[in-house]
C-alpha atoms as a PDB file:
ATOM      1  CA  UNK A   1      96.834  97.181  76.828  1.00  0.00           C
ATOM      2  CA  UNK A   2      99.024  94.312  75.755  1.00  0.00           C
ATOM      3  CA  UNK A   3     101.805  96.688  74.724  1.00  0.00           C
ATOM      4  CA  UNK A   4     101.839  98.390  78.136  1.00  0.00           C
ATOM      5  CA  UNK A   5     102.022  95.042  79.956  1.00  0.00           C
ATOM      6  CA  UNK A   6     104.842  93.827  77.692  1.00  0.00           C
ATOM      7  CA  UNK A   7     106.803  97.043  78.284  1.00  0.00           C
ATOM      8  CA  UNK A   8     106.141  96.811  82.035  1.00  0.00           C
ATOM      9  CA  UNK A   9     107.483  93.248  82.158  1.00  0.00           C
ATOM     10  CA  UNK A  10     110.561  94.200  80.132  1.00  0.00           C
ATOM     11  CA  UNK A  11     111.260  97.243  82.336  1.00  0.00           C
ATOM     12  CA  UNK A  12     110.942  95.155  85.513  1.00  0.00           C
ATOM     13  CA  UNK A  13     113.297  92.520  84.082  1.00  0.00           C
ATOM     14  CA  UNK A  14     115.892  95.183  83.259  1.00  0.00           C
ATOM     15  CA  UNK A  15     115.674  96.800  86.704  1.00  0.00           C
ATOM     16  CA  UNK A  16     115.350  93.640  88.816  1.00  0.00           C
ATOM     17  CA  UNK A  17     119.135  93.268  89.506  1.00  0.00           C
ATOM     18  CA  UNK A  18     119.059  96.709  91.170  1.00  0.00           C
ATOM     19  CA  UNK A  19     115.788  96.301  93.086  1.00  0.00           C
ATOM     20  CA  UNK A  20     115.422  94.803  96.566  1.00  0.00           C
ATOM     21  CA  UNK A  21     111.758  94.055  95.753  1.00  0.00           C
ATOM     22  CA  UNK A  22     109.299  94.876  93.020  1.00  0.00           C
ATOM     23  CA  UNK A  23     107.910  98.422  93.307  1.00  0.00           C
ATOM     24  CA  UNK A  24     104.601  98.841  95.119  1.00  0.00           C
ATOM     25  CA  UNK A  25     103.166 100.271  91.897  1.00  0.00           C
ATOM     26  CA  UNK A  26     104.539 100.399  88.350  1.00  0.00           C
ATOM     27  CA  UNK A  27     102.504 102.080  85.633  1.00  0.00           C
ATOM     28  CA  UNK A  28     103.665 102.204  82.009  1.00  0.00           C
ATOM     29  CA  UNK A  29     102.017 104.469  79.443  1.00  0.00           C
ATOM     30  CA  UNK A  30     103.405 103.803  75.967  1.00  0.00           C
ATOM     31  CA  UNK A  31     103.228 106.635  73.492  1.00  0.00           C
ATOM     32  CA  UNK A  32     103.943 105.778  69.889  1.00  0.00           C
ATOM     33  CA  UNK A  33     103.831 109.344  68.582  1.00  0.00           C
ATOM     34  CA  UNK A  34     103.960 111.124  71.942  1.00  0.00           C
ATOM     35  CA  UNK A  35     106.029 110.738  75.102  1.00  0.00           C
ATOM     36  CA  UNK A  36     106.150 107.343  76.749  1.00  0.00           C
ATOM     37  CA  UNK A  37     106.031 107.378  80.553  1.00  0.00           C
ATOM     38  CA  UNK A  38     106.769 104.972  83.351  1.00  0.00           C
ATOM     39  CA  UNK A  39     105.933 105.796  86.970  1.00  0.00           C
ATOM     40  CA  UNK A  40     107.067 103.604  89.867  1.00  0.00           C
ATOM     41  CA  UNK A  41     106.054 104.168  93.483  1.00  0.00           C
ATOM     42  CA  UNK A  42     107.655 102.585  96.528  1.00  0.00           C
ATOM     43  CA  UNK A  43     111.027 101.791  94.933  1.00  0.00           C
ATOM     44  CA  UNK A  44     113.489 100.004  97.242  1.00  0.00           C
ATOM     45  CA  UNK A  45     116.971  99.504  95.774  1.00  0.00           C
ATOM     46  CA  UNK A  46     119.269  96.590  96.600  1.00  0.00           C
ATOM     47  CA  UNK A  47     122.092  97.975  98.760  1.00  0.00           C
ATOM     48  CA  UNK A  48     124.468  95.106  97.902  1.00  0.00           C
ATOM     49  CA  UNK A  49     124.086  95.733  94.162  1.00  0.00           C
ATOM     50  CA  UNK A  50     124.643  99.465  94.640  1.00  0.00           C
ATOM     51  CA  UNK A  51     127.748  98.843  96.756  1.00  0.00           C
ATOM     52  CA  UNK A  52     129.129  96.463  94.139  1.00  0.00           C
ATOM     53  CA  UNK A  53     128.503  99.090  91.458  1.00  0.00           C
ATOM     54  CA  UNK A  54     130.236 101.746  93.550  1.00  0.00           C
ATOM     55  CA  UNK A  55     133.358  99.594  93.877  1.00  0.00           C
ATOM     56  CA  UNK A  56     132.841  98.689  97.537  1.00  0.00           C
ATOM     57  CA  UNK A  57     134.800  95.457  97.101  1.00  0.00           C
ATOM     58  CA  UNK A  58     137.866  97.219  95.677  1.00  0.00           C
ATOM     59  CA  UNK A  59     140.295  99.621  97.314  1.00  0.00           C
ATOM     60  CA  UNK A  60     137.927 102.412  98.075  1.00  0.00           C
ATOM     61  CA  UNK A  61     137.280 105.148  95.581  1.00  0.00           C
ATOM     62  CA  UNK A  62     133.990 105.533  97.476  1.00  0.00           C
ATOM     63  CA  UNK A  63     134.452 106.251 101.208  1.00  0.00           C
ATOM     64  CA  UNK A  64     131.076 104.865 102.316  1.00  0.00           C
ATOM     65  CA  UNK A  65     128.823 101.844 102.002  1.00  0.00           C
ATOM     66  CA  UNK A  66     125.156 102.114 101.201  1.00  0.00           C
ATOM     67  CA  UNK A  67     122.904 100.609 103.868  1.00  0.00           C
ATOM     68  CA  UNK A  68     119.541 101.544 102.359  1.00  0.00           C
ATOM     69  CA  UNK A  69     118.343 103.385  99.260  1.00  0.00           C
ATOM     70  CA  UNK A  70     114.714 104.078  98.434  1.00  0.00           C
ATOM     71  CA  UNK A  71     112.550 106.515  96.502  1.00  0.00           C
ATOM     72  CA  UNK A  72     108.900 107.280  97.033  1.00  0.00           C
ATOM     73  CA  UNK A  73     108.351 107.884  93.303  1.00  0.00           C
ATOM     74  CA  UNK A  74     110.421 107.588  90.125  1.00  0.00           C
ATOM     75  CA  UNK A  75     109.073 108.918  86.840  1.00  0.00           C
ATOM     76  CA  UNK A  76     110.753 108.341  83.483  1.00  0.00           C
ATOM     77  CA  UNK A  77     109.531 109.946  80.262  1.00  0.00           C
ATOM     78  CA  UNK A  78     111.031 109.255  76.849  1.00  0.00           C
ATOM     79  CA  UNK A  79     110.390 110.562  73.361  1.00  0.00           C
ATOM     80  CA  UNK A  80     112.428 110.080  70.202  1.00  0.00           C
ATOM     81  CA  UNK A  81     110.988 113.313  68.791  1.00  0.00           C
ATOM     82  CA  UNK A  82     111.693 115.850  71.540  1.00  0.00           C
ATOM     83  CA  UNK A  83     114.690 117.202  73.364  1.00  0.00           C
ATOM     84  CA  UNK A  84     115.631 116.092  75.924  1.00  0.00           C
ATOM     85  CA  UNK A  85     114.904 112.547  74.797  1.00  0.00           C
ATOM     86  CA  UNK A  86     114.713 111.165  78.351  1.00  0.00           C
ATOM     87  CA  UNK A  87     113.478 112.951  81.481  1.00  0.00           C
ATOM     88  CA  UNK A  88     113.852 111.441  84.946  1.00  0.00           C
ATOM     89  CA  UNK A  89     112.176 112.770  88.099  1.00  0.00           C
ATOM     90  CA  UNK A  90     112.850 111.180  91.491  1.00  0.00           C
ATOM     91  CA  UNK A  91     110.807 112.210  94.536  1.00  0.00           C
ATOM     92  CA  UNK A  92     111.206 111.266  98.193  1.00  0.00           C
ATOM     93  CA  UNK A  93     114.770 109.945  98.125  1.00  0.00           C
ATOM     94  CA  UNK A  94     116.078 108.213 101.248  1.00  0.00           C
ATOM     95  CA  UNK A  95     119.696 107.007 101.393  1.00  0.00           C
ATOM     96  CA  UNK A  96     121.462 105.674 104.485  1.00  0.00           C
ATOM     97  CA  UNK A  97     125.276 105.499 104.345  1.00  0.00           C
ATOM     98  CA  UNK A  98     127.961 104.150 106.643  1.00  0.00           C
ATOM     99  CA  UNK A  99     131.343 105.839 106.433  1.00  0.00           C
ATOM    100  CA  UNK A 100     134.369 103.574 106.384  1.00  0.00           C
END
């Protein structure tokens, strides 16, 4: 499964700026003629990166700061042949906020 490992490495590289640590498990199932899937378990997001993306350093359009953001499981499925082209399912979301 050289293709799956190459896609897994590329996906991790793209997501790494947003992740606090690598997911506990990341499985990639490429589908050339069918749907491709990626399933990550134990996803911990980087709160500083999320706050920077939400404009926390600027005069506040967002009235809170993110202290912690995690998901037990994130599943992405993509297919160029079907609608919708990309499906995302997130399970077990935990977000801790501090109001300003």
